[in-house]
Amino acid sequence: MGKIAVHEFITLDGVIEEPRWSAGYPFDPKMGEAIGGIMGASEGLLLGRRTFEMFAPAWSGRTAEDDPGAPFMNESTKYVVSGTLEHAEWKNSTILGPYSADVIRDLKARLDGDLYVSGSGMLVRAMLADGLVDEVHLFVYPLTLGAGQRLFGDPAKFTLAGTEAYESGVLHLTYLP
């Protein structure tokens, strides 16, 4: 049975919504290694509909020469949680249907490798509430936005499992629920 590892770009005040704000910070190669490590341990991606619809056109045309993460994003199986999406044209995509903790629990149990989740805030909040997330990787950017969709809505406790600081001021914090 694999685990579910969540990766989020997040501001100091907890905003994850449309992280275009991250473009103002240089992408440290060590950050790429950290994200690559999360991806490399994963057998597939688990995404909410909105993130899937943003990722599909952004990644489907990329190659390894464009971005070292492109082979993983394009070749791995993508499991999409959506009650409205009827078909998924991005290669290797499967629609799971509307959110169901039991469906995700069953998927997690039948896979050997991990599932990688990026973005997908609504999905992540639901999975955290249902105890389905095994690791949370927060890449915390040193800015506040004051408004926007936040990752955490309900009280929760986490155990710090790892830290890494980058020259840009971004921190990679790994937490276990």
Protein backbone atom coordinates (compact mmCIF):
# COMPACT_ATOMS: atom_id res chain seq x y z
CA MET A 1 0.00 0.00 0.00
CA GLY A 2 1.31 3.39 -0.96
CA LYS A 3 0.99 6.69 0.81
CA ILE A 4 -0.46 9.99 -0.28
CA ALA A 5 2.08 12.82 -0.39
CA VAL A 6 0.75 16.36 -0.85
CA HIS A 7 2.89 19.17 -2.30
CA GLU A 8 1.75 22.79 -2.04
CA PHE A 9 3.22 26.20 -2.77
CA ILE A 10 1.91 28.34 0.08
CA THR A 11 2.38 31.85 1.45
CA LEU A 12 3.18 32.72 5.05
CA ASP A 13 -0.50 33.47 5.63
CA GLY A 14 -1.57 30.10 4.21
CA VAL A 15 -2.75 31.07 0.72
CA ILE A 16 -2.39 28.43 -2.01
CA GLU A 17 -4.71 29.92 -4.63
CA GLU A 18 -3.21 30.27 -8.12
CA PRO A 19 0.44 30.46 -7.09
CA ARG A 20 1.54 32.82 -9.85
CA TRP A 21 3.06 34.80 -6.99
CA SER A 22 5.80 32.14 -6.80
CA ALA A 23 7.22 33.39 -10.13
CA GLY A 24 8.77 36.34 -8.28
CA TYR A 25 11.23 33.98 -6.60
CA PRO A 26 14.07 32.16 -8.36
CA PHE A 27 13.49 28.42 -8.63
CA ASP A 28 16.30 26.85 -6.65
CA PRO A 29 17.66 23.59 -8.17
CA LYS A 30 17.50 22.09 -4.66
CA MET A 31 13.77 22.77 -4.64
CA GLY A 32 13.53 20.91 -7.94
CA GLU A 33 15.38 18.00 -6.37
CA ALA A 34 12.97 17.98 -3.42
CA ILE A 35 9.90 18.01 -5.67
CA GLY A 36 11.53 15.40 -7.91
CA GLY A 37 12.07 13.21 -4.85
CA ILE A 38 8.37 13.36 -3.99
CA MET A 39 7.44 12.59 -7.60
CA GLY A 40 10.05 9.85 -7.91
CA ALA A 41 8.56 7.90 -5.02
CA SER A 42 5.12 8.13 -6.60
CA GLU A 43 3.29 5.78 -8.91
CA GLY A 44 0.74 8.34 -10.02
CA LEU A 45 -0.93 11.68 -9.50
CA LEU A 46 -4.16 12.32 -7.62
CA LEU A 47 -5.76 15.61 -8.64
CA GLY A 48 -8.93 17.57 -8.18
CA ARG A 49 -10.79 18.69 -11.29
CA ARG A 50 -9.68 22.33 -11.29
CA THR A 51 -6.00 21.47 -10.87
CA PHE A 52 -6.31 18.75 -13.51
CA GLU A 53 -7.86 21.24 -15.94
CA MET A 54 -4.99 23.68 -15.32
CA PHE A 55 -2.26 21.02 -15.47
CA ALA A 56 -3.42 19.15 -18.60
CA PRO A 57 -2.78 21.95 -21.11
CA ALA A 58 0.27 23.22 -19.21
CA TRP A 59 2.07 19.85 -19.02
CA SER A 60 0.81 17.73 -21.93
CA GLY A 61 3.03 19.47 -24.48
CA ARG A 62 6.16 19.64 -22.34
CA THR A 63 9.14 17.36 -22.74
CA ALA A 64 12.01 16.45 -20.42
CA GLU A 65 14.07 19.11 -22.21
CA ASP A 66 11.46 21.74 -21.23
CA ASP A 67 11.12 20.56 -17.64
CA PRO A 68 12.60 17.51 -15.87
CA GLY A 69 9.20 16.83 -14.28
CA ALA A 70 7.44 16.47 -17.64
CA PRO A 71 7.96 12.70 -18.06
CA PHE A 72 6.43 12.01 -14.65
CA MET A 73 3.52 14.38 -15.22
CA ASN A 74 2.76 13.00 -18.68
CA GLU A 75 3.54 9.30 -18.37
CA SER A 76 2.20 8.58 -14.89
CA THR A 77 -1.38 7.59 -14.28
CA LYS A 78 -3.49 10.56 -13.28
CA TYR A 79 -6.49 9.91 -11.03
CA VAL A 80 -8.98 12.77 -11.15
CA VAL A 81 -11.58 13.38 -8.47
CA SER A 82 -14.55 15.07 -10.12
CA GLY A 83 -18.30 14.77 -10.15
CA THR A 84 -18.59 16.90 -13.29
CA LEU A 85 -15.73 15.94 -15.60
CA GLU A 86 -17.00 13.47 -18.19
CA HIS A 87 -13.79 12.67 -20.07
CA ALA A 88 -10.11 13.34 -19.63
CA GLU A 89 -8.02 13.66 -22.75
CA TRP A 90 -4.65 13.99 -21.03
CA LYS A 91 -2.75 10.73 -21.53
CA ASN A 92 -3.14 8.08 -18.79
CA SER A 93 -5.99 9.87 -17.00
CA THR A 94 -8.77 8.14 -15.09
CA ILE A 95 -11.79 9.90 -13.61
CA LEU A 96 -12.66 8.53 -10.17
CA GLY A 97 -15.98 10.36 -9.85
CA PRO A 98 -17.03 12.68 -7.03
CA TYR A 99 -14.98 12.73 -3.83
CA SER A 100 -15.33 9.56 -1.81
CA ALA A 101 -12.98 8.71 1.04
CA ASP A 102 -13.66 5.02 0.41
CA VAL A 103 -12.71 5.25 -3.28
CA ILE A 104 -9.44 6.98 -2.42
CA ARG A 105 -8.76 4.56 0.45
CA ASP A 106 -9.28 1.63 -1.96
CA LEU A 107 -7.03 3.24 -4.60
CA LYS A 108 -4.32 3.83 -2.03
CA ALA A 109 -4.58 0.21 -0.83
CA ARG A 110 -4.23 -1.33 -4.29
CA LEU A 111 -1.20 0.70 -5.42
CA ASP A 112 2.36 -0.31 -4.60
CA GLY A 113 3.78 3.19 -4.99
CA ASP A 114 2.74 6.52 -3.57
CA LEU A 115 0.26 9.03 -4.92
CA TYR A 116 1.46 12.58 -5.52
CA VAL A 117 -0.97 15.46 -5.04
CA SER A 118 -0.13 18.98 -6.16
CA GLY A 119 -2.51 21.87 -5.64
CA SER A 120 -6.06 20.50 -5.47
CA GLY A 121 -6.93 22.43 -2.31
CA MET A 122 -10.52 21.22 -1.94
CA LEU A 123 -9.45 17.61 -2.42
CA VAL A 124 -6.56 17.96 0.03
CA ARG A 125 -8.80 19.51 2.71
CA ALA A 126 -11.28 16.63 2.35
CA MET A 127 -8.53 13.99 2.47
CA LEU A 128 -6.95 15.62 5.54
CA ALA A 129 -10.34 15.58 7.29
CA ASP A 130 -10.72 11.88 6.40
CA GLY A 131 -7.20 10.92 7.52
CA LEU A 132 -6.02 9.93 4.03
CA VAL A 133 -2.92 12.15 3.72
CA ASP A 134 0.39 10.68 4.89
CA GLU A 135 2.78 13.57 4.16
CA VAL A 136 2.34 17.29 3.59
CA HIS A 137 5.16 19.07 1.78
CA LEU A 138 4.76 22.83 2.11
CA PHE A 139 6.98 25.12 0.07
CA VAL A 140 6.47 28.30 2.08
CA TYR A 141 7.12 31.54 0.21
CA PRO A 142 8.15 34.59 2.28
CA LEU A 143 5.17 36.80 1.49
CA THR A 144 1.62 37.37 2.61
CA LEU A 145 -1.34 38.05 0.35
CA GLY A 146 -4.04 38.82 2.91
CA ALA A 147 -6.73 37.06 0.89
CA GLY A 148 -7.18 33.95 -1.23
CA GLN A 149 -7.96 30.28 -0.88
CA ARG A 150 -6.18 28.79 2.09
CA LEU A 151 -5.10 25.19 2.50
CA PHE A 152 -6.21 24.70 6.08
CA GLY A 153 -9.70 25.42 7.31
CA ASP A 154 -10.21 23.00 10.16
CA PRO A 155 -7.99 22.58 13.22
CA ALA A 156 -5.35 19.87 12.81
CA LYS A 157 -2.09 18.80 14.42
CA PHE A 158 1.02 17.85 12.51
CA THR A 159 4.47 16.52 13.34
CA LEU A 160 7.44 18.21 11.69
CA ALA A 161 9.40 15.58 9.74
CA GLY A 162 11.86 17.71 7.79
CA THR A 163 13.02 21.20 6.84
CA GLU A 164 15.08 22.70 4.06
CA ALA A 165 15.76 26.38 3.36
CA TYR A 166 16.55 27.79 -0.07
CA GLU A 167 18.50 30.93 -0.97
CA SER A 168 15.29 32.56 -2.25
CA GLY A 169 13.87 32.51 1.28
CA VAL A 170 11.47 29.66 0.46
CA LEU A 171 11.25 26.92 3.07
CA HIS A 172 10.37 23.28 2.40
CA LEU A 173 8.58 21.94 5.45
CA THR A 174 7.54 18.30 5.61
CA TYR A 175 4.78 17.40 8.04
CA LEU A 176 3.09 14.17 9.03
CA PRO A 177 -0.56 14.37 10.15
